[in-house]
């Protein structure tokens, strides 16, 4: 007999080891019940990466119904929880998360948060925006990611390059112009030539090839 959500929550409450917590969260996530959203968000603050990964996966599977809770319950003090929550928002790609991922990618003090947020800027689902809002939103995303390419941490710059490639590949027809693509390509060429991290150079080179194709 399949366990109910209350039974699974009780199992989580009784978990005594990190593995037991992870297994309990995996079972809760598998139910895909919107009522589990606050619990899954709470798990993001545990010092348990395995449980956090399971919670993120569960939130992404629940999708749109989890978005407002993720935004409203975002932990302003625990940067680890914040990074996990932004990973969930990135995986969902809902337009309502745009302000949050833009701000966090530019301003958060924690590199893990900025990296997750930069990914989120690049994974927004443009088809879910109102038609008239797509072009301005894509322009904002590009401007944000270009700024993030100056981040002092290479892992954040790497995420920004990945995001730029994704946005450039999905540009709305009204926005897609030679000048905008040329600006992106110029930035990528600069990263290939000058970035101090070989990983960023390589990722920028790959993005440049894909955009050019």
Protein backbone atom coordinates (compact mmCIF):
# COMPACT_ATOMS: atom_id res chain seq x y z
CA UNK A 1 0.00 0.00 0.00
CA UNK A 2 1.31 3.43 -0.97
CA UNK A 3 2.16 5.64 1.99
CA UNK A 4 0.20 8.86 2.41
CA UNK A 5 1.87 12.25 2.66
CA UNK A 6 1.24 12.49 6.43
CA UNK A 7 2.89 9.09 6.86
CA UNK A 8 5.88 10.19 4.80
CA UNK A 9 6.18 13.40 6.80
CA UNK A 10 6.16 11.37 9.99
CA UNK A 11 8.94 9.23 8.53
CA UNK A 12 10.94 12.40 7.92
CA UNK A 13 10.35 13.61 11.47
CA UNK A 14 11.61 10.29 12.82
CA UNK A 15 14.70 10.13 10.62
CA UNK A 16 17.81 9.87 12.77
CA UNK A 17 20.61 9.87 10.18
CA UNK A 18 21.50 11.91 7.10
CA UNK A 19 20.70 8.96 4.85
CA UNK A 20 17.33 8.39 6.50
CA UNK A 21 16.49 12.05 5.98
CA UNK A 22 17.49 11.82 2.32
CA UNK A 23 15.43 8.67 1.75
CA UNK A 24 12.41 10.25 3.44
CA UNK A 25 12.70 13.40 1.31
CA UNK A 26 13.04 11.32 -1.85
CA UNK A 27 9.79 9.53 -0.95
CA UNK A 28 8.03 12.83 -0.26
CA UNK A 29 9.27 14.32 -3.53
CA UNK A 30 8.06 11.28 -5.48
CA UNK A 31 4.47 11.97 -4.40
CA UNK A 32 4.50 15.33 -6.26
CA UNK A 33 1.93 16.74 -3.84
CA UNK A 34 1.63 20.52 -3.70
CA UNK A 35 0.98 20.20 0.03
CA UNK A 36 4.57 19.05 0.44
CA UNK A 37 6.03 22.29 -0.95
CA UNK A 38 6.65 24.03 2.42
CA UNK A 39 8.33 20.90 3.77
CA UNK A 40 10.55 20.53 0.71
CA UNK A 41 11.54 24.18 0.98
CA UNK A 42 12.37 23.70 4.66
CA UNK A 43 14.63 20.78 3.73
CA UNK A 44 16.71 23.13 1.57
CA UNK A 45 18.03 24.63 4.79
CA UNK A 46 19.20 21.32 6.23
CA UNK A 47 22.91 20.59 6.21
CA UNK A 48 22.23 17.61 3.97
CA UNK A 49 23.14 17.99 0.28
CA UNK A 50 21.55 14.68 -0.69
CA UNK A 51 18.23 15.67 0.86
CA UNK A 52 18.47 19.12 -0.74
CA UNK A 53 18.98 17.62 -4.20
CA UNK A 54 15.91 15.42 -3.67
CA UNK A 55 13.90 18.41 -2.47
CA UNK A 56 14.95 20.50 -5.49
CA UNK A 57 13.96 17.67 -7.83
CA UNK A 58 10.60 17.39 -6.09
CA UNK A 59 9.93 21.12 -6.32
CA UNK A 60 10.82 21.14 -10.01
CA UNK A 61 8.43 18.24 -10.64
CA UNK A 62 5.64 20.08 -8.81
CA UNK A 63 6.47 23.08 -10.97
CA UNK A 64 4.35 26.21 -11.19
CA UNK A 65 2.40 25.65 -7.94
CA UNK A 66 5.70 25.80 -6.03
CA UNK A 67 6.90 29.12 -7.45
CA UNK A 68 5.21 31.62 -5.15
CA UNK A 69 6.17 29.64 -2.07
CA UNK A 70 9.79 29.49 -3.23
CA UNK A 71 9.81 33.25 -3.70
CA UNK A 72 7.99 34.06 -0.47
CA UNK A 73 9.88 31.58 1.72
CA UNK A 74 13.35 32.28 0.31
CA UNK A 75 15.79 32.22 3.22
CA UNK A 76 17.48 35.59 3.56
CA UNK A 77 19.97 34.32 6.16
CA UNK A 78 20.97 30.84 5.03
CA UNK A 79 22.81 31.28 1.73
CA UNK A 80 22.97 27.52 1.21
CA UNK A 81 19.20 27.26 1.34
CA UNK A 82 18.96 30.30 -0.92
CA UNK A 83 21.18 28.67 -3.52
CA UNK A 84 19.14 25.46 -3.48
CA UNK A 85 15.88 27.43 -3.79
CA UNK A 86 17.24 29.33 -6.78
CA UNK A 87 18.24 26.02 -8.36
CA UNK A 88 14.62 24.92 -8.01
CA UNK A 89 13.35 28.18 -9.51
CA UNK A 90 15.85 27.81 -12.35
CA UNK A 91 14.58 24.31 -13.05
CA UNK A 92 10.98 25.51 -13.15
CA UNK A 93 11.76 28.57 -15.29
CA UNK A 94 8.60 30.46 -14.33
CA UNK A 95 8.55 34.16 -15.38
CA UNK A 96 7.56 35.20 -11.85
CA UNK A 97 11.04 34.27 -10.69
CA UNK A 98 12.79 36.68 -13.06
CA UNK A 99 13.14 39.64 -10.70
CA UNK A 100 14.57 37.36 -8.04
CA UNK A 101 17.15 35.60 -10.21
CA UNK A 102 18.26 38.85 -11.83
CA UNK A 103 18.78 40.58 -8.49
CA UNK A 104 20.51 37.59 -6.88
CA UNK A 105 22.85 37.02 -9.82
CA UNK A 106 24.10 40.60 -9.55
CA UNK A 107 23.96 41.35 -5.84
CA UNK A 108 24.08 38.29 -3.59
CA UNK A 109 27.28 37.96 -1.55
CA UNK A 110 27.40 34.15 -1.89
CA UNK A 111 28.96 32.78 -5.06
CA UNK A 112 26.78 29.65 -4.93
CA UNK A 113 23.69 31.87 -4.94
CA UNK A 114 24.95 34.05 -7.79
CA UNK A 115 25.81 30.96 -9.83
CA UNK A 116 22.37 29.40 -9.29
CA UNK A 117 20.69 32.71 -10.09
CA UNK A 118 22.70 33.19 -13.29
CA UNK A 119 21.57 29.77 -14.41
CA UNK A 120 18.03 30.83 -13.62
CA UNK A 121 18.29 33.87 -15.87
CA UNK A 122 19.29 31.56 -18.71
CA UNK A 123 16.57 28.96 -18.16
CA UNK A 124 13.48 31.16 -18.06
CA UNK A 125 10.65 29.81 -20.19
CA UNK A 126 10.04 32.64 -22.62
CA UNK A 127 6.88 31.07 -24.01
CA UNK A 128 5.24 31.61 -20.62
CA UNK A 129 5.70 35.38 -20.76
CA UNK A 130 2.92 37.53 -22.30
CA UNK A 131 3.83 37.98 -25.98
CA UNK A 132 4.47 41.70 -25.57
CA UNK A 133 6.80 41.05 -22.61
CA UNK A 134 9.11 38.51 -24.27
CA UNK A 135 11.43 40.91 -26.08
CA UNK A 136 11.96 43.27 -23.10
CA UNK A 137 12.51 40.29 -20.79
CA UNK A 138 15.09 38.74 -23.12
CA UNK A 139 16.84 42.10 -23.40
CA UNK A 140 16.95 42.37 -19.61
CA UNK A 141 18.29 38.82 -19.35
CA UNK A 142 21.08 39.53 -21.82
CA UNK A 143 22.06 42.78 -20.10
CA UNK A 144 22.11 40.99 -16.75
CA UNK A 145 24.25 38.09 -17.94
CA UNK A 146 26.70 40.41 -19.66
CA UNK A 147 27.22 42.14 -16.30
CA UNK A 148 27.57 38.80 -14.54
CA UNK A 149 30.41 37.91 -16.92
CA UNK A 150 32.47 40.40 -14.87
CA UNK A 151 31.87 38.47 -11.64
CA UNK A 152 35.11 37.82 -9.69
CA UNK A 153 34.29 34.11 -9.33
CA UNK A 154 34.90 31.94 -12.38
CA UNK A 155 32.05 29.52 -11.61
CA UNK A 156 29.60 32.42 -11.75
CA UNK A 157 31.04 33.67 -15.04
CA UNK A 158 30.78 30.11 -16.40
CA UNK A 159 27.08 30.02 -15.50
CA UNK A 160 26.58 33.42 -17.14
CA UNK A 161 28.15 32.19 -20.39
CA UNK A 162 25.87 29.16 -20.38
CA UNK A 163 22.90 31.44 -19.81
CA UNK A 164 23.91 33.81 -22.60
CA UNK A 165 24.13 30.93 -25.05
CA UNK A 166 20.65 29.75 -24.10
CA UNK A 167 19.07 33.19 -24.36
CA UNK A 168 20.81 33.98 -27.64
CA UNK A 169 19.51 30.73 -29.13
CA UNK A 170 15.92 31.61 -28.22
CA UNK A 171 15.81 35.31 -29.04
CA UNK A 172 12.38 36.59 -29.91
CA UNK A 173 12.09 37.65 -33.55
CA UNK A 174 11.46 41.25 -32.55
CA UNK A 175 14.67 41.31 -30.55
CA UNK A 176 16.90 39.24 -32.78
CA UNK A 177 19.14 41.75 -34.52
CA UNK A 178 22.69 41.77 -35.74
CA UNK A 179 23.69 44.36 -33.15
CA UNK A 180 22.53 42.30 -30.16
CA UNK A 181 24.08 39.07 -31.39
CA UNK A 182 27.23 40.98 -32.28
CA UNK A 183 27.42 42.32 -28.73
CA UNK A 184 27.12 38.82 -27.29
CA UNK A 185 29.72 37.43 -29.68
CA UNK A 186 32.13 40.27 -28.89
CA UNK A 187 31.82 39.53 -25.18
CA UNK A 188 32.37 35.81 -25.72
CA UNK A 189 35.42 36.50 -27.87
CA UNK A 190 36.82 38.68 -25.09
CA UNK A 191 36.29 35.89 -22.56
CA UNK A 192 37.98 33.38 -24.86
CA UNK A 193 40.99 35.68 -25.19
CA UNK A 194 41.25 37.19 -21.73
CA UNK A 195 39.45 35.26 -19.01
CA UNK A 196 41.82 33.96 -16.36
CA UNK A 197 39.94 30.66 -16.02
CA UNK A 198 40.52 28.03 -18.70
CA UNK A 199 37.08 26.57 -18.00
CA UNK A 200 35.42 29.90 -18.79
CA UNK A 201 37.53 30.32 -21.91
CA UNK A 202 36.51 26.88 -23.12
CA UNK A 203 32.82 27.39 -22.32
CA UNK A 204 32.82 30.78 -24.05
CA UNK A 205 34.45 29.22 -27.13
CA UNK A 206 31.77 26.51 -27.23
CA UNK A 207 28.99 29.09 -26.82
CA UNK A 208 30.48 31.19 -29.60
CA UNK A 209 30.57 28.20 -31.95
CA UNK A 210 26.97 27.27 -31.18
CA UNK A 211 25.65 30.80 -31.56
CA UNK A 212 27.52 31.25 -34.83
CA UNK A 213 26.06 28.01 -36.17
